[in-house]
Each structure stands twice: as C-alpha cells, then as structure tokens.
C-alpha cells in the first residue's frame, strides 16, 4: 500500500513537471506572426487601423475602418514573414507607432498595438519581433493608401 502511494506521488510530480515544462516551451517558442494573430476570414466583420491618434475625429475609434477584407489580407500578407516570441516583460515602453483591430462575428477580436519595429502588444501579451524590424515605411504607405479610400 505504501509503495503504491509513493508511486502515485512520484507519477503526480513527474506529470506536473512535464506539463510545466511544456508550457514554458510553448511560451518561449518562436512563432510566425500570422499564426499568433489567428485571423478567421470566414468570421470577419470589420477592420480598423490607426497610425496617428491625432487624426481620429468625432466618435471614431480608428483613422479608418472597413468591412472589406482586402486591406486585412494585404496587411497580414506583409506581416506573415515576421517571427515573434513572447517577451519577458509585461508592459510595453515607448510611443505607439500603429494599431489595428480585426473584429469577428463570433470569435474574439484581434487587437494589435505596435510600439516600435521590434515590440508589439497582441491582446494583453507583449511580443518581440525576432527576425527583422517591421518595415514602418511600408506601414505608412499602407495607411495612406487605404485612409484615402475609407
């Protein structure tokens, strides 16, 4: 009876260590940015984008907003080659460079705040860009293109 109890305790401790180790591995793993964003095109509702908060007028939440998927697909196509991992910090520092939000009909919205070329907040989690800085000139051109349309 004592041997069974000891064996159960050892199995429980080993199992807990395995689960803990897998969670740490999952959190520190480098991922493709588009995998982290988890966009669901079939559930898409609206997309909002902001580079300059001073440009937001009235009761608008974003510089521009659309129900068209074309800008979302273009932005995600641009972002898909970036690699990210969870940062060791819990809050972002610096001034926001751009922000976008993808609303779904059923799934939770995706909120992304890019602070600089290497740091972003996705939901409530801080990520750092690993492979190269985000091309802010491309983002500026993207914003101008669609801000004029919407």
Foldseek 3Di string as FASTA:
>chain_A
DVVVVVVVVVVVVVVVVVVVVVVVCVQFDKDFPLVVQPDDVVFFAKKAKAQDPVCDDDPDPHLDMDRDCVLVVVVCVLRRVWIKHFDPDQDDDAAWGMWMWIDGNPDHIWTKTHRFQFWIQTPRTIMGTPDDGRDSVVVVVSCVVVSVVD
